[in-house]
PDB file of N, CA and C in Angstrom:
ATOM      1  N   MET A   1       4.324 -29.065 -11.900  1.00  0.00           N
ATOM      2  CA  MET A   1       4.560 -28.008 -10.921  1.00  0.00           C
ATOM      3  C   MET A   1       3.705 -26.796 -11.257  1.00  0.00           C
ATOM      4  N   THR A   2       3.072 -26.237 -10.238  1.00  0.00           N
ATOM      5  CA  THR A   2       2.229 -25.066 -10.430  1.00  0.00           C
ATOM      6  C   THR A   2       3.060 -23.800 -10.256  1.00  0.00           C
ATOM      7  N   VAL A   3       2.950 -22.891 -11.211  1.00  0.00           N
ATOM      8  CA  VAL A   3       3.614 -21.591 -11.112  1.00  0.00           C
ATOM      9  C   VAL A   3       2.536 -20.542 -10.876  1.00  0.00           C
ATOM     10  N   ARG A   4       2.769 -19.695  -9.863  1.00  0.00           N
ATOM     11  CA  ARG A   4       1.809 -18.649  -9.519  1.00  0.00           C
ATOM     12  C   ARG A   4       2.500 -17.287  -9.544  1.00  0.00           C
ATOM     13  N   LEU A   5       1.757 -16.273  -9.978  1.00  0.00           N
ATOM     14  CA  LEU A   5       2.221 -14.901  -9.871  1.00  0.00           C
ATOM     15  C   LEU A   5       1.180 -14.159  -9.037  1.00  0.00           C
ATOM     16  N   LYS A   6       1.598 -13.661  -7.889  1.00  0.00           N
ATOM     17  CA  LYS A   6       0.708 -12.878  -7.030  1.00  0.00           C
ATOM     18  C   LYS A   6       1.044 -11.408  -7.229  1.00  0.00           C
ATOM     19  N   ASP A   7       0.016 -10.643  -7.560  1.00  0.00           N
ATOM     20  CA  ASP A   7       0.156  -9.204  -7.800  1.00  0.00           C
ATOM     21  C   ASP A   7      -0.482  -8.479  -6.618  1.00  0.00           C
ATOM     22  N   PHE A   8       0.367  -7.942  -5.744  1.00  0.00           N
ATOM     23  CA  PHE A   8      -0.133  -7.182  -4.591  1.00  0.00           C
ATOM     24  C   PHE A   8      -0.317  -5.735  -5.025  1.00  0.00           C
ATOM     25  N   TYR A   9      -1.542  -5.232  -4.876  1.00  0.00           N
ATOM     26  CA  TYR A   9      -1.874  -3.904  -5.387  1.00  0.00           C
ATOM     27  C   TYR A   9      -2.912  -3.253  -4.476  1.00  0.00           C
ATOM     28  N   ALA A  10      -3.214  -1.990  -4.773  1.00  0.00           N
ATOM     29  CA  ALA A  10      -4.329  -1.284  -4.131  1.00  0.00           C
ATOM     30  C   ALA A  10      -4.951  -0.371  -5.180  1.00  0.00           C
ATOM     31  N   ASP A  11      -6.238  -0.091  -5.010  1.00  0.00           N
ATOM     32  CA  ASP A  11      -6.940   0.746  -5.986  1.00  0.00           C
ATOM     33  C   ASP A  11      -6.349   2.151  -6.079  1.00  0.00           C
ATOM     34  N   TRP A  12      -5.787   2.649  -4.987  1.00  0.00           N
ATOM     35  CA  TRP A  12      -5.250   4.014  -4.958  1.00  0.00           C
ATOM     36  C   TRP A  12      -3.810   4.087  -5.463  1.00  0.00           C
ATOM     37  N   CYS A  13      -3.222   2.959  -5.854  1.00  0.00           N
ATOM     38  CA  CYS A  13      -1.796   2.895  -6.229  1.00  0.00           C
ATOM     39  C   CYS A  13      -1.619   3.172  -7.717  1.00  0.00           C
ATOM     40  N   GLY A  14      -1.086   4.351  -8.049  1.00  0.00           N
ATOM     41  CA  GLY A  14      -0.860   4.723  -9.445  1.00  0.00           C
ATOM     42  C   GLY A  14       0.073   3.776 -10.188  1.00  0.00           C
ATOM     43  N   PRO A  15       1.258   3.457  -9.615  1.00  0.00           N
ATOM     44  CA  PRO A  15       2.183   2.539 -10.300  1.00  0.00           C
ATOM     45  C   PRO A  15       1.553   1.158 -10.558  1.00  0.00           C
ATOM     46  N   CYS A  16       0.623   0.745  -9.702  1.00  0.00           N
ATOM     47  CA  CYS A  16      -0.055  -0.545  -9.911  1.00  0.00           C
ATOM     48  C   CYS A  16      -0.835  -0.516 -11.222  1.00  0.00           C
ATOM     49  N   LYS A  17      -1.497   0.620 -11.485  1.00  0.00           N
ATOM     50  CA  LYS A  17      -2.264   0.754 -12.718  1.00  0.00           C
ATOM     51  C   LYS A  17      -1.339   0.753 -13.934  1.00  0.00           C
ATOM     52  N   THR A  18      -0.141   1.314 -13.780  1.00  0.00           N
ATOM     53  CA  THR A  18       0.853   1.319 -14.855  1.00  0.00           C
ATOM     54  C   THR A  18       1.245  -0.111 -15.204  1.00  0.00           C
ATOM     55  N   GLN A  19       1.305  -0.957 -14.201  1.00  0.00           N
ATOM     56  CA  GLN A  19       1.771  -2.329 -14.403  1.00  0.00           C
ATOM     57  C   GLN A  19       0.684  -3.257 -14.943  1.00  0.00           C
ATOM     58  N   ASP A  20      -0.590  -2.915 -14.726  1.00  0.00           N
ATOM     59  CA  ASP A  20      -1.679  -3.801 -15.127  1.00  0.00           C
ATOM     60  C   ASP A  20      -1.594  -4.293 -16.580  1.00  0.00           C
ATOM     61  N   PRO A  21      -1.346  -3.409 -17.570  1.00  0.00           N
ATOM     62  CA  PRO A  21      -1.313  -3.898 -18.961  1.00  0.00           C
ATOM     63  C   PRO A  21      -0.212  -4.945 -19.187  1.00  0.00           C
ATOM     64  N   ILE A  22       0.924  -4.787 -18.520  1.00  0.00           N
ATOM     65  CA  ILE A  22       2.026  -5.759 -18.650  1.00  0.00           C
ATOM     66  C   ILE A  22       1.556  -7.120 -18.146  1.00  0.00           C
ATOM     67  N   LEU A  23       0.899  -7.124 -16.984  1.00  0.00           N
ATOM     68  CA  LEU A  23       0.427  -8.385 -16.402  1.00  0.00           C
ATOM     69  C   LEU A  23      -0.677  -9.007 -17.256  1.00  0.00           C
ATOM     70  N   GLU A  24      -1.525  -8.178 -17.832  1.00  0.00           N
ATOM     71  CA  GLU A  24      -2.600  -8.704 -18.681  1.00  0.00           C
ATOM     72  C   GLU A  24      -2.025  -9.395 -19.914  1.00  0.00           C
ATOM     73  N   GLU A  25      -0.975  -8.811 -20.506  1.00  0.00           N
ATOM     74  CA  GLU A  25      -0.311  -9.441 -21.653  1.00  0.00           C
ATOM     75  C   GLU A  25       0.289 -10.780 -21.248  1.00  0.00           C
ATOM     76  N   LEU A  26       0.975 -10.791 -20.111  1.00  0.00           N
ATOM     77  CA  LEU A  26       1.609 -12.030 -19.651  1.00  0.00           C
ATOM     78  C   LEU A  26       0.559 -13.099 -19.373  1.00  0.00           C
ATOM     79  N   GLU A  27      -0.549 -12.696 -18.784  1.00  0.00           N
ATOM     80  CA  GLU A  27      -1.600 -13.659 -18.471  1.00  0.00           C
ATOM     81  C   GLU A  27      -2.146 -14.290 -19.751  1.00  0.00           C
ATOM     82  N   ALA A  28      -2.227 -13.492 -20.815  1.00  0.00           N
ATOM     83  CA  ALA A  28      -2.692 -14.012 -22.103  1.00  0.00           C
ATOM     84  C   ALA A  28      -1.678 -14.988 -22.701  1.00  0.00           C
ATOM     85  N   ASP A  29      -0.388 -14.733 -22.464  1.00  0.00           N
ATOM     86  CA  ASP A  29       0.673 -15.546 -23.069  1.00  0.00           C
ATOM     87  C   ASP A  29       1.023 -16.790 -22.250  1.00  0.00           C
ATOM     88  N   TYR A  30       0.751 -16.764 -20.960  1.00  0.00           N
ATOM     89  CA  TYR A  30       1.127 -17.883 -20.092  1.00  0.00           C
ATOM     90  C   TYR A  30      -0.128 -18.501 -19.474  1.00  0.00           C
ATOM     91  N   ALA A  31      -0.794 -19.327 -20.261  1.00  0.00           N
ATOM     92  CA  ALA A  31      -2.046 -19.923 -19.804  1.00  0.00           C
ATOM     93  C   ALA A  31      -1.834 -20.880 -18.634  1.00  0.00           C
ATOM     94  N   ASP A  32      -0.620 -21.427 -18.510  1.00  0.00           N
ATOM     95  CA  ASP A  32      -0.348 -22.417 -17.463  1.00  0.00           C
ATOM     96  C   ASP A  32       0.032 -21.778 -16.126  1.00  0.00           C
ATOM     97  N   VAL A  33       0.144 -20.463 -16.092  1.00  0.00           N
ATOM     98  CA  VAL A  33       0.498 -19.761 -14.854  1.00  0.00           C
ATOM     99  C   VAL A  33      -0.772 -19.240 -14.189  1.00  0.00           C
ATOM    100  N   GLU A  34      -0.851 -19.410 -12.868  1.00  0.00           N
ATOM    101  CA  GLU A  34      -1.987 -18.867 -12.113  1.00  0.00           C
ATOM    102  C   GLU A  34      -1.672 -17.425 -11.730  1.00  0.00           C
ATOM    103  N   PHE A  35      -2.472 -16.493 -12.238  1.00  0.00           N
ATOM    104  CA  PHE A  35      -2.310 -15.086 -11.895  1.00  0.00           C
ATOM    105  C   PHE A  35      -3.326 -14.734 -10.828  1.00  0.00           C
ATOM    106  N   GLU A  36      -2.855 -14.119  -9.755  1.00  0.00           N
ATOM    107  CA  GLU A  36      -3.750 -13.776  -8.657  1.00  0.00           C
ATOM    108  C   GLU A  36      -3.492 -12.331  -8.244  1.00  0.00           C
ATOM    109  N   LYS A  37      -4.556 -11.530  -8.247  1.00  0.00           N
ATOM    110  CA  LYS A  37      -4.447 -10.151  -7.773  1.00  0.00           C
ATOM    111  C   LYS A  37      -4.840 -10.124  -6.298  1.00  0.00           C
ATOM    112  N   VAL A  38      -3.993  -9.514  -5.481  1.00  0.00           N
ATOM    113  CA  VAL A  38      -4.255  -9.435  -4.044  1.00  0.00           C
ATOM    114  C   VAL A  38      -4.365  -7.962  -3.665  1.00  0.00           C
ATOM    115  N   ASP A  39      -5.582  -7.539  -3.308  1.00  0.00           N
ATOM    116  CA  ASP A  39      -5.811  -6.159  -2.871  1.00  0.00           C
ATOM    117  C   ASP A  39      -5.367  -6.062  -1.412  1.00  0.00           C
ATOM    118  N   VAL A  40      -4.283  -5.324  -1.172  1.00  0.00           N
ATOM    119  CA  VAL A  40      -3.715  -5.289   0.180  1.00  0.00           C
ATOM    120  C   VAL A  40      -4.663  -4.645   1.192  1.00  0.00           C
ATOM    121  N   ASP A  41      -5.571  -3.800   0.728  1.00  0.00           N
ATOM    122  CA  ASP A  41      -6.535  -3.196   1.651  1.00  0.00           C
ATOM    123  C   ASP A  41      -7.547  -4.236   2.138  1.00  0.00           C
ATOM    124  N   ASP A  42      -7.887  -5.187   1.260  1.00  0.00           N
ATOM    125  CA  ASP A  42      -8.859  -6.225   1.620  1.00  0.00           C
ATOM    126  C   ASP A  42      -8.208  -7.443   2.265  1.00  0.00           C
ATOM    127  N   GLU A  43      -6.955  -7.703   1.911  1.00  0.00           N
ATOM    128  CA  GLU A  43      -6.296  -8.941   2.342  1.00  0.00           C
ATOM    129  C   GLU A  43      -4.964  -8.636   3.022  1.00  0.00           C
ATOM    130  N   GLN A  44      -5.045  -7.872   4.103  1.00  0.00           N
ATOM    131  CA  GLN A  44      -3.823  -7.475   4.804  1.00  0.00           C
ATOM    132  C   GLN A  44      -3.064  -8.671   5.366  1.00  0.00           C
ATOM    133  N   ASP A  45      -3.801  -9.722   5.771  1.00  0.00           N
ATOM    134  CA  ASP A  45      -3.133 -10.894   6.323  1.00  0.00           C
ATOM    135  C   ASP A  45      -2.253 -11.574   5.282  1.00  0.00           C
ATOM    136  N   VAL A  46      -2.726 -11.642   4.035  1.00  0.00           N
ATOM    137  CA  VAL A  46      -1.929 -12.244   2.966  1.00  0.00           C
ATOM    138  C   VAL A  46      -0.712 -11.367   2.676  1.00  0.00           C
ATOM    139  N   ALA A  47      -0.923 -10.051   2.631  1.00  0.00           N
ATOM    140  CA  ALA A  47       0.190  -9.127   2.400  1.00  0.00           C
ATOM    141  C   ALA A  47       1.237  -9.269   3.496  1.00  0.00           C
ATOM    142  N   ASN A  48       0.790  -9.411   4.740  1.00  0.00           N
ATOM    143  CA  ASN A  48       1.735  -9.577   5.848  1.00  0.00           C
ATOM    144  C   ASN A  48       2.475 -10.905   5.750  1.00  0.00           C
ATOM    145  N   GLU A  49       1.765 -11.949   5.361  1.00  0.00           N
ATOM    146  CA  GLU A  49       2.381 -13.263   5.220  1.00  0.00           C
ATOM    147  C   GLU A  49       3.543 -13.208   4.224  1.00  0.00           C
ATOM    148  N   TYR A  50       3.366 -12.424   3.149  1.00  0.00           N
ATOM    149  CA  TYR A  50       4.399 -12.296   2.124  1.00  0.00           C
ATOM    150  C   TYR A  50       5.322 -11.098   2.381  1.00  0.00           C
ATOM    151  N   GLN A  51       5.157 -10.457   3.521  1.00  0.00           N
ATOM    152  CA  GLN A  51       5.993  -9.316   3.925  1.00  0.00           C
ATOM    153  C   GLN A  51       6.014  -8.217   2.863  1.00  0.00           C
ATOM    154  N   VAL A  52       4.823  -7.897   2.356  1.00  0.00           N
ATOM    155  CA  VAL A  52       4.695  -6.840   1.353  1.00  0.00           C
ATOM    156  C   VAL A  52       4.702  -5.500   2.069  1.00  0.00           C
ATOM    157  N   ARG A  53       5.650  -4.647   1.706  1.00  0.00           N
ATOM    158  CA  ARG A  53       5.791  -3.329   2.341  1.00  0.00           C
ATOM    159  C   ARG A  53       5.561  -2.179   1.361  1.00  0.00           C
ATOM    160  N   SER A  54       5.725  -2.452   0.061  1.00  0.00           N
ATOM    161  CA  SER A  54       5.557  -1.411  -0.960  1.00  0.00           C
ATOM    162  C   SER A  54       4.711  -1.971  -2.093  1.00  0.00           C
ATOM    163  N   LEU A  55       4.087  -1.057  -2.841  1.00  0.00           N
ATOM    164  CA  LEU A  55       3.249  -1.466  -3.971  1.00  0.00           C
ATOM    165  C   LEU A  55       3.757  -0.825  -5.252  1.00  0.00           C
ATOM    166  N   PRO A  56       3.578  -1.487  -6.380  1.00  0.00           N
ATOM    167  CA  PRO A  56       3.150  -2.884  -6.474  1.00  0.00           C
ATOM    168  C   PRO A  56       4.270  -3.841  -6.076  1.00  0.00           C
ATOM    169  N   THR A  57       3.900  -4.990  -5.558  1.00  0.00           N
ATOM    170  CA  THR A  57       4.848  -6.077  -5.320  1.00  0.00           C
ATOM    171  C   THR A  57       4.338  -7.301  -6.062  1.00  0.00           C
ATOM    172  N   LEU A  58       5.239  -7.926  -6.814  1.00  0.00           N
ATOM    173  CA  LEU A  58       4.904  -9.172  -7.500  1.00  0.00           C
ATOM    174  C   LEU A  58       5.691 -10.296  -6.858  1.00  0.00           C
ATOM    175  N   ILE A  59       5.021 -11.405  -6.618  1.00  0.00           N
ATOM    176  CA  ILE A  59       5.681 -12.597  -6.090  1.00  0.00           C
ATOM    177  C   ILE A  59       5.484 -13.704  -7.116  1.00  0.00           C
ATOM    178  N   VAL A  60       6.592 -14.294  -7.571  1.00  0.00           N
ATOM    179  CA  VAL A  60       6.522 -15.465  -8.443  1.00  0.00           C
ATOM    180  C   VAL A  60       6.904 -16.657  -7.587  1.00  0.00           C
ATOM    181  N   GLU A  61       6.013 -17.652  -7.535  1.00  0.00           N
ATOM    182  CA  GLU A  61       6.296 -18.818  -6.713  1.00  0.00           C
ATOM    183  C   GLU A  61       5.868 -20.088  -7.426  1.00  0.00           C
ATOM    184  N   ASN A  62       6.445 -21.190  -6.962  1.00  0.00           N
ATOM    185  CA  ASN A  62       6.020 -22.498  -7.452  1.00  0.00           C
ATOM    186  C   ASN A  62       5.862 -23.407  -6.238  1.00  0.00           C
ATOM    187  N   ASP A  63       5.728 -24.704  -6.464  1.00  0.00           N
ATOM    188  CA  ASP A  63       5.451 -25.622  -5.360  1.00  0.00           C
ATOM    189  C   ASP A  63       6.588 -25.646  -4.327  1.00  0.00           C
ATOM    190  N   ASP A  64       7.784 -25.212  -4.728  1.00  0.00           N
ATOM    191  CA  ASP A  64       8.930 -25.194  -3.813  1.00  0.00           C
ATOM    192  C   ASP A  64       9.008 -23.918  -2.987  1.00  0.00           C
ATOM    193  N   GLY A  65       8.198 -22.912  -3.334  1.00  0.00           N
ATOM    194  CA  GLY A  65       8.227 -21.652  -2.593  1.00  0.00           C
ATOM    195  C   GLY A  65       8.446 -20.469  -3.514  1.00  0.00           C
ATOM    196  N   ILE A  66       8.875 -19.355  -2.926  1.00  0.00           N
ATOM    197  CA  ILE A  66       9.053 -18.110  -3.681  1.00  0.00           C
ATOM    198  C   ILE A  66      10.306 -18.201  -4.550  1.00  0.00           C
ATOM    199  N   VAL A  67      10.134 -17.914  -5.830  1.00  0.00           N
ATOM    200  CA  VAL A  67      11.237 -17.942  -6.788  1.00  0.00           C
ATOM    201  C   VAL A  67      11.812 -16.538  -6.962  1.00  0.00           C
ATOM    202  N   ASP A  68      10.925 -15.548  -7.014  1.00  0.00           N
ATOM    203  CA  ASP A  68      11.387 -14.174  -7.213  1.00  0.00           C
ATOM    204  C   ASP A  68      10.358 -13.204  -6.669  1.00  0.00           C
ATOM    205  N   ARG A  69      10.843 -12.002  -6.360  1.00  0.00           N
ATOM    206  CA  ARG A  69       9.996 -10.946  -5.806  1.00  0.00           C
ATOM    207  C   ARG A  69      10.420  -9.649  -6.475  1.00  0.00           C
ATOM    208  N   PHE A  70       9.433  -8.886  -6.925  1.00  0.00           N
ATOM    209  CA  PHE A  70       9.700  -7.591  -7.556  1.00  0.00           C
ATOM    210  C   PHE A  70       8.922  -6.518  -6.815  1.00  0.00           C
ATOM    211  N   VAL A  71       9.588  -5.415  -6.522  1.00  0.00           N
ATOM    212  CA  VAL A  71       8.935  -4.291  -5.859  1.00  0.00           C
ATOM    213  C   VAL A  71       9.014  -3.099  -6.805  1.00  0.00           C
ATOM    214  N   GLY A  72       7.865  -2.452  -7.014  1.00  0.00           N
ATOM    215  CA  GLY A  72       7.813  -1.343  -7.963  1.00  0.00           C
ATOM    216  C   GLY A  72       7.396  -1.855  -9.326  1.00  0.00           C
ATOM    217  N   VAL A  73       7.182  -0.935 -10.252  1.00  0.00           N
ATOM    218  CA  VAL A  73       6.770  -1.319 -11.602  1.00  0.00           C
ATOM    219  C   VAL A  73       7.895  -2.126 -12.233  1.00  0.00           C
ATOM    220  N   THR A  74       7.561  -3.302 -12.726  1.00  0.00           N
ATOM    221  CA  THR A  74       8.553  -4.232 -13.254  1.00  0.00           C
ATOM    222  C   THR A  74       8.280  -4.494 -14.726  1.00  0.00           C
ATOM    223  N   GLN A  75       9.336  -4.517 -15.520  1.00  0.00           N
ATOM    224  CA  GLN A  75       9.184  -4.713 -16.956  1.00  0.00           C
ATOM    225  C   GLN A  75       8.880  -6.171 -17.286  1.00  0.00           C
ATOM    226  N   ARG A  76       8.230  -6.357 -18.412  1.00  0.00           N
ATOM    227  CA  ARG A  76       7.801  -7.678 -18.847  1.00  0.00           C
ATOM    228  C   ARG A  76       8.963  -8.678 -18.889  1.00  0.00           C
ATOM    229  N   GLU A  77      10.110  -8.260 -19.403  1.00  0.00           N
ATOM    230  CA  GLU A  77      11.237  -9.174 -19.574  1.00  0.00           C
ATOM    231  C   GLU A  77      11.662  -9.770 -18.228  1.00  0.00           C
ATOM    232  N   ASP A  78      11.688  -8.935 -17.189  1.00  0.00           N
ATOM    233  CA  ASP A  78      12.114  -9.405 -15.870  1.00  0.00           C
ATOM    234  C   ASP A  78      11.099 -10.404 -15.300  1.00  0.00           C
ATOM    235  N   ILE A  79       9.828 -10.095 -15.473  1.00  0.00           N
ATOM    236  CA  ILE A  79       8.786 -10.994 -14.965  1.00  0.00           C
ATOM    237  C   ILE A  79       8.835 -12.315 -15.725  1.00  0.00           C
ATOM    238  N   GLU A  80       9.011 -12.209 -17.046  1.00  0.00           N
ATOM    239  CA  GLU A  80       9.055 -13.418 -17.868  1.00  0.00           C
ATOM    240  C   GLU A  80      10.203 -14.338 -17.458  1.00  0.00           C
ATOM    241  N   SER A  81      11.360 -13.764 -17.205  1.00  0.00           N
ATOM    242  CA  SER A  81      12.494 -14.626 -16.852  1.00  0.00           C
ATOM    243  C   SER A  81      12.241 -15.297 -15.505  1.00  0.00           C
ATOM    244  N   ALA A  82      11.559 -14.607 -14.575  1.00  0.00           N
ATOM    245  CA  ALA A  82      11.213 -15.215 -13.285  1.00  0.00           C
ATOM    246  C   ALA A  82      10.201 -16.347 -13.465  1.00  0.00           C
ATOM    247  N   LEU A  83       9.222 -16.136 -14.351  1.00  0.00           N
ATOM    248  CA  LEU A  83       8.227 -17.184 -14.614  1.00  0.00           C
ATOM    249  C   LEU A  83       8.909 -18.425 -15.204  1.00  0.00           C
ATOM    250  N   GLN A  84       9.857 -18.200 -16.104  1.00  0.00           N
ATOM    251  CA  GLN A  84      10.556 -19.323 -16.715  1.00  0.00           C
ATOM    252  C   GLN A  84      11.437 -20.040 -15.690  1.00  0.00           C
ATOM    253  N   LYS A  85      12.077 -19.254 -14.837  1.00  0.00           N
ATOM    254  CA  LYS A  85      12.904 -19.840 -13.777  1.00  0.00           C
ATOM    255  C   LYS A  85      12.045 -20.691 -12.831  1.00  0.00           C
ATOM    256  N   ALA A  86      10.782 -20.279 -12.658  1.00  0.00           N
ATOM    257  CA  ALA A  86       9.870 -21.009 -11.773  1.00  0.00           C
ATOM    258  C   ALA A  86       9.309 -22.268 -12.433  1.00  0.00           C
ATOM    259  N   GLY A  87       9.495 -22.382 -13.759  1.00  0.00           N
ATOM    260  CA  GLY A  87       9.036 -23.579 -14.447  1.00  0.00           C
ATOM    261  C   GLY A  87       7.875 -23.367 -15.399  1.00  0.00           C
ATOM    262  N   ALA A  88       7.567 -22.111 -15.715  1.00  0.00           N
ATOM    263  CA  ALA A  88       6.453 -21.835 -16.644  1.00  0.00           C
ATOM    264  C   ALA A  88       6.889 -22.114 -18.079  1.00  0.00           C
TER     265      ALA A  88
END
């Protein structure tokens, strides 16, 4: 099963920059998870598909669909438990 984490962000979003180091650590620790950054200014259709209304928004999904969604700066522990729940 493939586990994906989609990070919806924008260059002008301060809280997104706060979250970047957390995601970089997780990406280093979870080699089997696909990390994808989605710039909402460039990819509005993808943001709309996932009903992203606030930034940052993280979506954790697997082959069965969305497992968890976080809005706002999210701590590593919460993201990790969602990744594990998704099968990482």
